[in-house]
Amino acid sequence: MRGRGKLIALLAAAAALLWLLGGWYLPGPLDKDTEFVVAQGDSFGQVSAKLQDVGATDRSGLFKLRAKLLGGSAPIKAGTFMLPKGASQATILDILQGGKVIRRFVTVPEGMPSIMVKERLAAQANLAGEIAVPDEGSVLPDTYEIGVGESRKAVVARMQAAMDRTLKDLWANRSSRTVARTPREAVILASIVEKETGKPEERRLVAGLYSNRLRKGMMLQADPTIIYPITRGKPLGRRIRQSEIAAVNGYNTYAMVGLPSGPITNPGRASIEAVLNPADTDALYMVADGTGGHAFAATLEEHNRNVAKWFAIRRARGEL
């Protein structure tokens, strides 16, 4: 009888061990690849409960028990993870302990106005909290990594700190040809340059043209400065009206001499560099040339010829 009792005890122990190991190493119940978020400060119990909620484990208590006995002592990392379909409990813990997070980024392209920066951050479901529209021109266009649960305010602060550092570095190396008297004036003029040309090779030439106009006391007459007070930098979606060209406000450079009262977008590093080191040019006028760039002119007569060419191109395209 004693031998039979020992055998039963051994079999029971073996079955318990198989149950323990099988539930840890065999495929689990997850029916599809699933993103899983561990928030900063989550306890192991909270993580286990979340795993049960998403169907990665049948019972959170058993996951905790098996992890304690078989999973090692490495801590679980915060972040967003991809749990593969059918992942075993061992695989899941290894993923969460290994910190193989899904990296997430948000991009602010050159020339994106602050109202659209706010909208882009608001669309990032992994971020937390509300933000006001950042000050125009305060955000450096770039690609930024964002953390799960990170506040939108913190992301904006990093973008603004990047702009501050960049502007400080570029200002220290400015050319004597720049008309910007302060870093803020550099950002304002750079925001116009950013909106006026999409060709990188034109930036310094456009900056040189507007620098010449400012020196001569001429109006800048930059179309984007008409649009900014109307849309805060978003596309207008129609032609500019004569009443808008004549509108007097702090931005419309068709109705004022000098720089606008503030930036009209968030300029990129290259446009700020162009303003602080403009091309040495005698150009005072520019008009589209039909290729996505501009034809530049030093005299009104030459400019009028370029305008006539542009209208001919538009007529040939059926735009007039």
C-alpha atoms as a PDB file:
ATOM      1  CA  MET A   1       0.000   0.000   0.000  1.00  0.00           C
ATOM      2  CA  ARG A   2       2.875   2.334   0.861  1.00  0.00           C
ATOM      3  CA  GLY A   3       4.427   1.777  -2.557  1.00  0.00           C
ATOM      4  CA  ARG A   4       1.127   2.461  -4.253  1.00  0.00           C
ATOM      5  CA  GLY A   5       0.733   5.690  -2.285  1.00  0.00           C
ATOM      6  CA  LYS A   6       4.190   6.857  -3.301  1.00  0.00           C
ATOM      7  CA  LEU A   7       3.415   6.085  -6.930  1.00  0.00           C
ATOM      8  CA  ILE A   8       0.189   8.073  -6.787  1.00  0.00           C
ATOM      9  CA  ALA A   9       2.045  10.988  -5.178  1.00  0.00           C
ATOM     10  CA  LEU A  10       4.738  10.868  -7.891  1.00  0.00           C
ATOM     11  CA  LEU A  11       2.140  10.775 -10.629  1.00  0.00           C
ATOM     12  CA  ALA A  12       0.313  13.701  -9.059  1.00  0.00           C
ATOM     13  CA  ALA A  13       3.536  15.673  -8.792  1.00  0.00           C
ATOM     14  CA  ALA A  14       4.396  14.853 -12.393  1.00  0.00           C
ATOM     15  CA  ALA A  15       0.929  15.936 -13.539  1.00  0.00           C
ATOM     16  CA  ALA A  16       1.241  19.181 -11.572  1.00  0.00           C
ATOM     17  CA  LEU A  17       4.645  19.822 -13.117  1.00  0.00           C
ATOM     18  CA  LEU A  18       3.317  19.117 -16.589  1.00  0.00           C
ATOM     19  CA  TRP A  19       0.387  21.420 -15.890  1.00  0.00           C
ATOM     20  CA  LEU A  20       2.732  24.112 -14.653  1.00  0.00           C
ATOM     21  CA  LEU A  21       5.170  23.801 -17.556  1.00  0.00           C
ATOM     22  CA  GLY A  22       2.554  23.171 -20.209  1.00  0.00           C
ATOM     23  CA  GLY A  23       0.622  26.269 -19.275  1.00  0.00           C
ATOM     24  CA  TRP A  24       3.843  28.252 -19.487  1.00  0.00           C
ATOM     25  CA  TYR A  25       5.504  26.974 -22.637  1.00  0.00           C
ATOM     26  CA  LEU A  26       2.661  25.676 -24.826  1.00  0.00           C
ATOM     27  CA  PRO A  27       0.851  28.035 -27.257  1.00  0.00           C
ATOM     28  CA  GLY A  28      -1.536  30.434 -25.560  1.00  0.00           C
ATOM     29  CA  PRO A  29      -5.095  31.582 -26.321  1.00  0.00           C
ATOM     30  CA  LEU A  30      -4.296  34.837 -28.155  1.00  0.00           C
ATOM     31  CA  ASP A  31      -6.207  34.606 -31.444  1.00  0.00           C
ATOM     32  CA  LYS A  32      -4.393  37.360 -33.358  1.00  0.00           C
ATOM     33  CA  ASP A  33      -1.308  39.563 -33.257  1.00  0.00           C
ATOM     34  CA  THR A  34      -2.124  42.173 -30.630  1.00  0.00           C
ATOM     35  CA  GLU A  35      -0.622  45.481 -29.544  1.00  0.00           C
ATOM     36  CA  PHE A  36      -0.256  45.568 -25.783  1.00  0.00           C
ATOM     37  CA  VAL A  37       0.461  48.666 -23.705  1.00  0.00           C
ATOM     38  CA  VAL A  38       2.289  48.678 -20.388  1.00  0.00           C
ATOM     39  CA  ALA A  39       1.897  52.130 -18.878  1.00  0.00           C
ATOM     40  CA  GLN A  40       4.609  53.711 -16.778  1.00  0.00           C
ATOM     41  CA  GLY A  41       4.053  52.642 -13.185  1.00  0.00           C
ATOM     42  CA  ASP A  42       1.854  49.602 -13.938  1.00  0.00           C
ATOM     43  CA  SER A  43       2.213  46.855 -11.312  1.00  0.00           C
ATOM     44  CA  PHE A  44       2.728  43.229 -12.292  1.00  0.00           C
ATOM     45  CA  GLY A  45      -0.805  42.510 -11.112  1.00  0.00           C
ATOM     46  CA  GLN A  46      -2.205  45.252 -13.348  1.00  0.00           C
ATOM     47  CA  VAL A  47      -0.250  43.905 -16.324  1.00  0.00           C
ATOM     48  CA  SER A  48      -1.507  40.379 -15.647  1.00  0.00           C
ATOM     49  CA  ALA A  49      -5.097  41.609 -15.523  1.00  0.00           C
ATOM     50  CA  LYS A  50      -4.628  43.484 -18.813  1.00  0.00           C
ATOM     51  CA  LEU A  51      -3.234  40.327 -20.420  1.00  0.00           C
ATOM     52  CA  GLN A  52      -6.379  38.479 -19.420  1.00  0.00           C
ATOM     53  CA  ASP A  53      -8.526  41.326 -20.736  1.00  0.00           C
ATOM     54  CA  VAL A  54      -6.956  41.137 -24.214  1.00  0.00           C
ATOM     55  CA  GLY A  55      -7.143  37.333 -24.283  1.00  0.00           C
ATOM     56  CA  ALA A  56      -3.423  36.655 -23.979  1.00  0.00           C
ATOM     57  CA  THR A  57      -3.939  34.480 -20.896  1.00  0.00           C
ATOM     58  CA  ASP A  58      -6.948  32.654 -19.504  1.00  0.00           C
ATOM     59  CA  ARG A  59      -6.353  33.484 -15.851  1.00  0.00           C
ATOM     60  CA  SER A  60      -4.256  36.384 -14.629  1.00  0.00           C
ATOM     61  CA  GLY A  61      -3.593  34.706 -11.282  1.00  0.00           C
ATOM     62  CA  LEU A  62      -2.054  31.651 -12.941  1.00  0.00           C
ATOM     63  CA  PHE A  63       0.075  33.879 -15.160  1.00  0.00           C
ATOM     64  CA  LYS A  64       1.413  35.624 -12.043  1.00  0.00           C
ATOM     65  CA  LEU A  65       2.120  32.278 -10.347  1.00  0.00           C
ATOM     66  CA  ARG A  66       3.910  30.759 -13.323  1.00  0.00           C
ATOM     67  CA  ALA A  67       5.864  33.976 -13.935  1.00  0.00           C
ATOM     68  CA  LYS A  68       7.019  33.988 -10.327  1.00  0.00           C
ATOM     69  CA  LEU A  69       8.165  30.354 -10.459  1.00  0.00           C
ATOM     70  CA  LEU A  70       9.492  30.167 -14.012  1.00  0.00           C
ATOM     71  CA  GLY A  71       9.923  33.644 -15.397  1.00  0.00           C
ATOM     72  CA  GLY A  72      12.985  35.076 -13.750  1.00  0.00           C
ATOM     73  CA  SER A  73      13.367  38.349 -11.875  1.00  0.00           C
ATOM     74  CA  ALA A  74      13.826  40.887 -14.702  1.00  0.00           C
ATOM     75  CA  PRO A  75      11.311  43.749 -14.477  1.00  0.00           C
ATOM     76  CA  ILE A  76       8.620  44.391 -17.051  1.00  0.00           C
ATOM     77  CA  LYS A  77       9.285  47.483 -19.175  1.00  0.00           C
ATOM     78  CA  ALA A  78       6.813  50.253 -20.004  1.00  0.00           C
ATOM     79  CA  GLY A  79       5.877  50.705 -23.648  1.00  0.00           C
ATOM     80  CA  THR A  80       3.807  49.314 -26.492  1.00  0.00           C
ATOM     81  CA  PHE A  81       4.560  45.707 -27.439  1.00  0.00           C
ATOM     82  CA  MET A  82       3.414  43.365 -30.184  1.00  0.00           C
ATOM     83  CA  LEU A  83       2.218  40.032 -28.805  1.00  0.00           C
ATOM     84  CA  PRO A  84       2.101  37.408 -31.589  1.00  0.00           C
ATOM     85  CA  LYS A  85      -0.893  35.160 -32.173  1.00  0.00           C
ATOM     86  CA  GLY A  86      -0.761  32.045 -29.999  1.00  0.00           C
ATOM     87  CA  ALA A  87       2.170  33.348 -27.938  1.00  0.00           C
ATOM     88  CA  SER A  88       2.999  31.203 -24.928  1.00  0.00           C
ATOM     89  CA  GLN A  89       3.011  32.750 -21.484  1.00  0.00           C
ATOM     90  CA  ALA A  90       6.807  32.378 -21.460  1.00  0.00           C
ATOM     91  CA  THR A  91       7.090  34.254 -24.762  1.00  0.00           C
ATOM     92  CA  ILE A  92       4.828  37.030 -23.539  1.00  0.00           C
ATOM     93  CA  LEU A  93       6.839  37.594 -20.381  1.00  0.00           C
ATOM     94  CA  ASP A  94      10.074  37.507 -22.381  1.00  0.00           C
ATOM     95  CA  ILE A  95       8.714  40.209 -24.710  1.00  0.00           C
ATOM     96  CA  LEU A  96       7.602  42.407 -21.825  1.00  0.00           C
ATOM     97  CA  GLN A  97      10.842  41.946 -19.895  1.00  0.00           C
ATOM     98  CA  GLY A  98      13.028  42.402 -22.957  1.00  0.00           C
ATOM     99  CA  GLY A  99      11.721  45.890 -23.654  1.00  0.00           C
ATOM    100  CA  LYS A 100      11.206  45.182 -27.358  1.00  0.00           C
ATOM    101  CA  VAL A 101       8.788  48.059 -27.639  1.00  0.00           C
ATOM    102  CA  ILE A 102       7.099  49.301 -30.769  1.00  0.00           C
ATOM    103  CA  ARG A 103       8.727  52.671 -31.380  1.00  0.00           C
ATOM    104  CA  ARG A 104       6.341  55.449 -32.325  1.00  0.00           C
ATOM    105  CA  PHE A 105       7.141  58.722 -34.026  1.00  0.00           C
ATOM    106  CA  VAL A 106       5.375  61.910 -35.016  1.00  0.00           C
ATOM    107  CA  THR A 107       6.605  64.104 -37.858  1.00  0.00           C
ATOM    108  CA  VAL A 108       6.166  67.843 -38.201  1.00  0.00           C
ATOM    109  CA  PRO A 109       7.071  68.650 -41.817  1.00  0.00           C
ATOM    110  CA  GLU A 110       8.711  71.926 -42.763  1.00  0.00           C
ATOM    111  CA  GLY A 111       6.106  74.651 -43.104  1.00  0.00           C
ATOM    112  CA  MET A 112       3.405  73.014 -40.973  1.00  0.00           C
ATOM    113  CA  PRO A 113       1.556  75.755 -39.051  1.00  0.00           C
ATOM    114  CA  SER A 114       1.023  75.372 -35.331  1.00  0.00           C
ATOM    115  CA  ILE A 115      -2.722  74.820 -35.607  1.00  0.00           C
ATOM    116  CA  MET A 116      -1.983  71.678 -37.637  1.00  0.00           C
ATOM    117  CA  VAL A 117       0.761  70.610 -35.194  1.00  0.00           C
ATOM    118  CA  LYS A 118      -1.892  70.621 -32.488  1.00  0.00           C
ATOM    119  CA  GLU A 119      -4.231  68.564 -34.683  1.00  0.00           C
ATOM    120  CA  ARG A 120      -1.488  66.057 -35.493  1.00  0.00           C
ATOM    121  CA  LEU A 121      -0.654  65.542 -31.823  1.00  0.00           C
ATOM    122  CA  ALA A 122      -4.336  65.291 -30.932  1.00  0.00           C
ATOM    123  CA  ALA A 123      -4.624  62.413 -33.420  1.00  0.00           C
ATOM    124  CA  GLN A 124      -1.912  60.433 -31.612  1.00  0.00           C
ATOM    125  CA  ALA A 125      -4.018  58.112 -29.451  1.00  0.00           C
ATOM    126  CA  ASN A 126      -1.018  57.038 -27.384  1.00  0.00           C
ATOM    127  CA  LEU A 127      -0.442  60.548 -26.059  1.00  0.00           C
ATOM    128  CA  ALA A 128      -2.207  62.039 -23.061  1.00  0.00           C
ATOM    129  CA  GLY A 129      -3.673  65.408 -22.128  1.00  0.00           C
ATOM    130  CA  GLU A 130      -4.804  68.486 -23.985  1.00  0.00           C
ATOM    131  CA  ILE A 131      -2.748  71.332 -25.463  1.00  0.00           C
ATOM    132  CA  ALA A 132      -3.369  74.797 -26.778  1.00  0.00           C
ATOM    133  CA  VAL A 133      -2.107  75.772 -30.215  1.00  0.00           C
ATOM    134  CA  PRO A 134       1.663  76.319 -29.793  1.00  0.00           C
ATOM    135  CA  ASP A 135       3.033  79.768 -30.578  1.00  0.00           C
ATOM    136  CA  GLU A 136       3.554  80.053 -34.323  1.00  0.00           C
ATOM    137  CA  GLY A 137       7.184  79.545 -35.281  1.00  0.00           C
ATOM    138  CA  SER A 138       8.113  77.987 -31.928  1.00  0.00           C
ATOM    139  CA  VAL A 139       8.183  74.353 -33.107  1.00  0.00           C
ATOM    140  CA  LEU A 140      11.115  72.885 -35.047  1.00  0.00           C
ATOM    141  CA  PRO A 141       9.899  70.712 -37.930  1.00  0.00           C
ATOM    142  CA  ASP A 142      11.435  67.256 -37.473  1.00  0.00           C
ATOM    143  CA  THR A 143      10.565  63.665 -36.576  1.00  0.00           C
ATOM    144  CA  TYR A 144      10.181  63.010 -32.853  1.00  0.00           C
ATOM    145  CA  GLU A 145       9.889  59.744 -30.956  1.00  0.00           C
ATOM    146  CA  ILE A 146       6.932  59.691 -28.590  1.00  0.00           C
ATOM    147  CA  GLY A 147       6.312  57.503 -25.587  1.00  0.00           C
ATOM    148  CA  VAL A 148       3.106  55.704 -24.703  1.00  0.00           C
ATOM    149  CA  GLY A 149       1.174  57.810 -22.243  1.00  0.00           C
ATOM    150  CA  GLU A 150       3.492  60.788 -22.702  1.00  0.00           C
ATOM    151  CA  SER A 151       1.707  64.111 -22.375  1.00  0.00           C
ATOM    152  CA  ARG A 152       1.169  66.218 -25.467  1.00  0.00           C
ATOM    153  CA  LYS A 153       2.517  69.190 -23.518  1.00  0.00           C
ATOM    154  CA  ALA A 154       5.787  67.331 -23.006  1.00  0.00           C
ATOM    155  CA  VAL A 155       6.057  66.551 -26.721  1.00  0.00           C
ATOM    156  CA  VAL A 156       5.458  70.205 -27.644  1.00  0.00           C
ATOM    157  CA  ALA A 157       8.042  71.270 -25.075  1.00  0.00           C
ATOM    158  CA  ARG A 158      10.624  68.989 -26.719  1.00  0.00           C
ATOM    159  CA  MET A 159       9.768  70.408 -30.152  1.00  0.00           C
ATOM    160  CA  GLN A 160      10.124  73.956 -28.854  1.00  0.00           C
ATOM    161  CA  ALA A 161      13.385  73.189 -27.071  1.00  0.00           C
ATOM    162  CA  ALA A 162      14.714  71.799 -30.364  1.00  0.00           C
ATOM    163  CA  MET A 163      13.768  75.062 -32.102  1.00  0.00           C
ATOM    164  CA  ASP A 164      15.450  77.113 -29.367  1.00  0.00           C
ATOM    165  CA  ARG A 165      18.686  75.116 -29.668  1.00  0.00           C
ATOM    166  CA  THR A 166      18.675  75.241 -33.466  1.00  0.00           C
ATOM    167  CA  LEU A 167      17.989  78.968 -33.608  1.00  0.00           C
ATOM    168  CA  LYS A 168      20.705  79.683 -31.049  1.00  0.00           C
ATOM    169  CA  ASP A 169      23.279  77.703 -33.060  1.00  0.00           C
ATOM    170  CA  LEU A 170      22.314  79.259 -36.396  1.00  0.00           C
ATOM    171  CA  TRP A 171      22.141  82.791 -35.020  1.00  0.00           C
ATOM    172  CA  ALA A 172      25.689  82.486 -33.689  1.00  0.00           C
ATOM    173  CA  ASN A 173      26.910  81.753 -37.233  1.00  0.00           C
ATOM    174  CA  ARG A 174      24.814  84.311 -39.139  1.00  0.00           C
ATOM    175  CA  SER A 175      26.211  86.170 -42.128  1.00  0.00           C
ATOM    176  CA  SER A 176      26.666  89.930 -42.271  1.00  0.00           C
ATOM    177  CA  ARG A 177      24.233  89.894 -45.219  1.00  0.00           C
ATOM    178  CA  THR A 178      21.243  88.949 -43.081  1.00  0.00           C
ATOM    179  CA  VAL A 179      18.653  91.654 -42.483  1.00  0.00           C
ATOM    180  CA  ALA A 180      17.368  89.919 -39.343  1.00  0.00           C
ATOM    181  CA  ARG A 181      18.170  92.030 -36.307  1.00  0.00           C
ATOM    182  CA  THR A 182      16.948  89.432 -33.810  1.00  0.00           C
ATOM    183  CA  PRO A 183      16.381  85.673 -33.796  1.00  0.00           C
ATOM    184  CA  ARG A 184      12.629  86.326 -33.852  1.00  0.00           C
ATOM    185  CA  GLU A 185      12.930  88.393 -37.018  1.00  0.00           C
ATOM    186  CA  ALA A 186      14.919  85.513 -38.537  1.00  0.00           C
ATOM    187  CA  VAL A 187      12.064  83.096 -37.773  1.00  0.00           C
ATOM    188  CA  ILE A 188       9.447  85.485 -39.170  1.00  0.00           C
ATOM    189  CA  LEU A 189      11.278  85.954 -42.469  1.00  0.00           C
ATOM    190  CA  ALA A 190      12.168  82.248 -42.619  1.00  0.00           C
ATOM    191  CA  SER A 191       8.489  81.371 -42.285  1.00  0.00           C
ATOM    192  CA  ILE A 192       7.762  83.426 -45.414  1.00  0.00           C
ATOM    193  CA  VAL A 193      10.647  81.808 -47.298  1.00  0.00           C
ATOM    194  CA  GLU A 194       9.339  78.390 -46.227  1.00  0.00           C
ATOM    195  CA  LYS A 195       5.900  79.116 -47.653  1.00  0.00           C
ATOM    196  CA  GLU A 196       7.112  80.789 -50.841  1.00  0.00           C
ATOM    197  CA  THR A 197       9.245  78.004 -52.287  1.00  0.00           C
ATOM    198  CA  GLY A 198       9.175  74.237 -52.219  1.00  0.00           C
ATOM    199  CA  LYS A 199      12.555  73.947 -53.927  1.00  0.00           C
ATOM    200  CA  PRO A 200      15.486  73.599 -51.515  1.00  0.00           C
ATOM    201  CA  GLU A 201      17.882  75.154 -54.024  1.00  0.00           C
ATOM    202  CA  GLU A 202      15.775  78.340 -54.132  1.00  0.00           C
ATOM    203  CA  ARG A 203      15.660  79.082 -50.424  1.00  0.00           C
ATOM    204  CA  ARG A 204      18.753  81.300 -50.217  1.00  0.00           C
ATOM    205  CA  LEU A 205      17.760  83.155 -53.385  1.00  0.00           C
ATOM    206  CA  VAL A 206      14.241  83.829 -52.089  1.00  0.00           C
ATOM    207  CA  ALA A 207      15.756  84.945 -48.783  1.00  0.00           C
ATOM    208  CA  GLY A 208      18.108  87.243 -50.699  1.00  0.00           C
ATOM    209  CA  LEU A 209      15.212  88.746 -52.673  1.00  0.00           C
ATOM    210  CA  TYR A 210      13.181  89.542 -49.562  1.00  0.00           C
ATOM    211  CA  SER A 211      16.277  90.862 -47.820  1.00  0.00           C
ATOM    212  CA  ASN A 212      16.762  93.290 -50.729  1.00  0.00           C
ATOM    213  CA  ARG A 213      13.148  94.434 -50.489  1.00  0.00           C
ATOM    214  CA  LEU A 214      13.438  95.065 -46.767  1.00  0.00           C
ATOM    215  CA  ARG A 215      16.620  97.090 -47.242  1.00  0.00           C
ATOM    216  CA  LYS A 216      14.943  99.236 -49.892  1.00  0.00           C
ATOM    217  CA  GLY A 217      11.759  99.764 -47.867  1.00  0.00           C
ATOM    218  CA  MET A 218       9.663  97.897 -50.420  1.00  0.00           C
ATOM    219  CA  MET A 219       6.617  95.857 -49.504  1.00  0.00           C
ATOM    220  CA  LEU A 220       7.385  92.138 -49.354  1.00  0.00           C
ATOM    221  CA  GLN A 221       4.102  91.301 -51.121  1.00  0.00           C
ATOM    222  CA  ALA A 222       4.182  87.640 -50.110  1.00  0.00           C
ATOM    223  CA  ASP A 223       0.873  85.887 -50.829  1.00  0.00           C
ATOM    224  CA  PRO A 224       1.082  83.539 -47.808  1.00  0.00           C
ATOM    225  CA  THR A 225       0.951  86.562 -45.489  1.00  0.00           C
ATOM    226  CA  ILE A 226      -2.486  87.386 -46.916  1.00  0.00           C
ATOM    227  CA  ILE A 227      -3.742  83.880 -46.208  1.00  0.00           C
ATOM    228  CA  TYR A 228      -2.385  83.434 -42.674  1.00  0.00           C
ATOM    229  CA  PRO A 229      -4.852  85.743 -40.857  1.00  0.00           C
ATOM    230  CA  ILE A 230      -7.712  83.986 -42.638  1.00  0.00           C
ATOM    231  CA  THR A 231      -6.793  80.322 -42.041  1.00  0.00           C
ATOM    232  CA  ARG A 232      -3.941  80.426 -39.495  1.00  0.00           C
ATOM    233  CA  GLY A 233      -1.771  78.696 -42.042  1.00  0.00           C
ATOM    234  CA  LYS A 234      -4.129  76.065 -43.413  1.00  0.00           C
ATOM    235  CA  PRO A 235      -4.670  75.974 -47.201  1.00  0.00           C
ATOM    236  CA  LEU A 236      -7.118  78.622 -48.379  1.00  0.00           C
ATOM    237  CA  GLY A 237      -8.702  76.327 -50.961  1.00  0.00           C
ATOM    238  CA  ARG A 238      -9.622  79.137 -53.335  1.00  0.00           C
ATOM    239  CA  ARG A 239      -8.181  82.211 -55.000  1.00  0.00           C
ATOM    240  CA  ILE A 240      -7.309  85.220 -52.890  1.00  0.00           C
ATOM    241  CA  ARG A 241      -9.910  87.977 -53.095  1.00  0.00           C
ATOM    242  CA  GLN A 242      -9.114  91.611 -53.853  1.00  0.00           C
ATOM    243  CA  SER A 243     -10.574  92.612 -50.486  1.00  0.00           C
ATOM    244  CA  GLU A 244      -8.117  90.238 -48.781  1.00  0.00           C
ATOM    245  CA  ILE A 245      -5.174  91.675 -50.722  1.00  0.00           C
ATOM    246  CA  ALA A 246      -6.134  95.126 -49.442  1.00  0.00           C
ATOM    247  CA  ALA A 247      -6.837  94.011 -45.868  1.00  0.00           C
ATOM    248  CA  VAL A 248      -4.870  95.869 -43.204  1.00  0.00           C
ATOM    249  CA  ASN A 249      -3.706  93.660 -40.352  1.00  0.00           C
ATOM    250  CA  GLY A 250      -0.496  92.626 -38.699  1.00  0.00           C
ATOM    251  CA  TYR A 251       0.421  90.078 -41.380  1.00  0.00           C
ATOM    252  CA  ASN A 252      -0.600  91.203 -44.874  1.00  0.00           C
ATOM    253  CA  THR A 253       2.605  92.370 -46.562  1.00  0.00           C
ATOM    254  CA  TYR A 254       0.610  93.771 -49.496  1.00  0.00           C
ATOM    255  CA  ALA A 255      -0.695  96.463 -47.144  1.00  0.00           C
ATOM    256  CA  MET A 256       2.386  97.198 -45.054  1.00  0.00           C
ATOM    257  CA  VAL A 257       6.124  97.731 -45.280  1.00  0.00           C
ATOM    258  CA  GLY A 258       8.411  95.478 -43.275  1.00  0.00           C
ATOM    259  CA  LEU A 259       7.978  92.124 -41.627  1.00  0.00           C
ATOM    260  CA  PRO A 260       4.677  90.732 -40.357  1.00  0.00           C
ATOM    261  CA  SER A 261       4.025  90.900 -36.639  1.00  0.00           C
ATOM    262  CA  GLY A 262       4.839  87.211 -36.258  1.00  0.00           C
ATOM    263  CA  PRO A 263       5.720  84.004 -38.110  1.00  0.00           C
ATOM    264  CA  ILE A 264       3.158  82.526 -40.498  1.00  0.00           C
ATOM    265  CA  THR A 265       4.280  78.916 -40.042  1.00  0.00           C
ATOM    266  CA  ASN A 266       6.976  76.801 -38.404  1.00  0.00           C
ATOM    267  CA  PRO A 267      10.036  77.138 -40.647  1.00  0.00           C
ATOM    268  CA  GLY A 268      12.565  74.362 -40.971  1.00  0.00           C
ATOM    269  CA  ARG A 269      16.273  74.630 -40.257  1.00  0.00           C
ATOM    270  CA  ALA A 270      17.141  75.130 -43.937  1.00  0.00           C
ATOM    271  CA  SER A 271      14.874  78.170 -44.302  1.00  0.00           C
ATOM    272  CA  ILE A 272      16.282  79.752 -41.133  1.00  0.00           C
ATOM    273  CA  GLU A 273      19.801  79.129 -42.452  1.00  0.00           C
ATOM    274  CA  ALA A 274      18.816  80.743 -45.757  1.00  0.00           C
ATOM    275  CA  VAL A 275      17.612  83.913 -44.009  1.00  0.00           C
ATOM    276  CA  LEU A 276      20.740  84.101 -41.875  1.00  0.00           C
ATOM    277  CA  ASN A 277      22.979  83.520 -44.905  1.00  0.00           C
ATOM    278  CA  PRO A 278      21.000  84.796 -47.923  1.00  0.00           C
ATOM    279  CA  ALA A 279      22.247  84.634 -51.486  1.00  0.00           C
ATOM    280  CA  ASP A 280      24.174  87.659 -52.718  1.00  0.00           C
ATOM    281  CA  THR A 281      21.686  88.669 -55.408  1.00  0.00           C
ATOM    282  CA  ASP A 282      20.167  91.804 -56.932  1.00  0.00           C
ATOM    283  CA  ALA A 283      16.775  90.091 -57.402  1.00  0.00           C
ATOM    284  CA  LEU A 284      13.715  92.064 -56.285  1.00  0.00           C
ATOM    285  CA  TYR A 285      10.917  90.184 -58.059  1.00  0.00           C
ATOM    286  CA  MET A 286       9.882  86.600 -58.647  1.00  0.00           C
ATOM    287  CA  VAL A 287       7.042  84.762 -60.322  1.00  0.00           C
ATOM    288  CA  ALA A 288       6.249  81.078 -60.863  1.00  0.00           C
ATOM    289  CA  ASP A 289       8.030  79.586 -63.873  1.00  0.00           C
ATOM    290  CA  GLY A 290       5.786  76.589 -64.523  1.00  0.00           C
ATOM    291  CA  THR A 291       8.223  73.993 -63.166  1.00  0.00           C
ATOM    292  CA  GLY A 292       7.456  74.377 -59.484  1.00  0.00           C
ATOM    293  CA  GLY A 293      10.117  77.037 -59.098  1.00  0.00           C
ATOM    294  CA  HIS A 294      10.392  80.738 -59.806  1.00  0.00           C
ATOM    295  CA  ALA A 295      11.826  83.159 -62.369  1.00  0.00           C
ATOM    296  CA  PHE A 296      13.751  85.934 -60.625  1.00  0.00           C
ATOM    297  CA  ALA A 297      14.305  89.481 -61.841  1.00  0.00           C
ATOM    298  CA  ALA A 298      16.195  92.569 -60.722  1.00  0.00           C
ATOM    299  CA  THR A 299      14.031  95.048 -62.668  1.00  0.00           C
ATOM    300  CA  LEU A 300      10.306  95.537 -63.089  1.00  0.00           C
ATOM    301  CA  GLU A 301      10.633  95.302 -66.871  1.00  0.00           C
ATOM    302  CA  GLU A 302      12.295  91.892 -66.648  1.00  0.00           C
ATOM    303  CA  HIS A 303       9.715  90.798 -64.097  1.00  0.00           C
ATOM    304  CA  ASN A 304       6.844  91.827 -66.376  1.00  0.00           C
ATOM    305  CA  ARG A 305       8.300  89.661 -69.147  1.00  0.00           C
ATOM    306  CA  ASN A 306       8.501  86.721 -66.735  1.00  0.00           C
ATOM    307  CA  VAL A 307       4.904  87.321 -65.675  1.00  0.00           C
ATOM    308  CA  ALA A 308       3.799  87.310 -69.328  1.00  0.00           C
ATOM    309  CA  LYS A 309       5.549  83.962 -69.812  1.00  0.00           C
ATOM    310  CA  TRP A 310       3.787  82.561 -66.746  1.00  0.00           C
ATOM    311  CA  PHE A 311       0.369  83.688 -67.977  1.00  0.00           C
ATOM    312  CA  ALA A 312       1.087  82.080 -71.343  1.00  0.00           C
ATOM    313  CA  ILE A 313       1.901  78.805 -69.583  1.00  0.00           C
ATOM    314  CA  ARG A 314      -1.319  78.988 -67.585  1.00  0.00           C
ATOM    315  CA  ARG A 315      -3.386  79.730 -70.691  1.00  0.00           C
ATOM    316  CA  ALA A 316      -1.816  76.729 -72.437  1.00  0.00           C
ATOM    317  CA  ARG A 317      -2.814  74.580 -69.448  1.00  0.00           C
ATOM    318  CA  GLY A 318      -6.386  75.880 -69.604  1.00  0.00           C
ATOM    319  CA  GLU A 319      -6.108  77.567 -66.196  1.00  0.00           C
ATOM    320  CA  LEU A 320      -7.182  80.992 -67.529  1.00  0.00           C
END
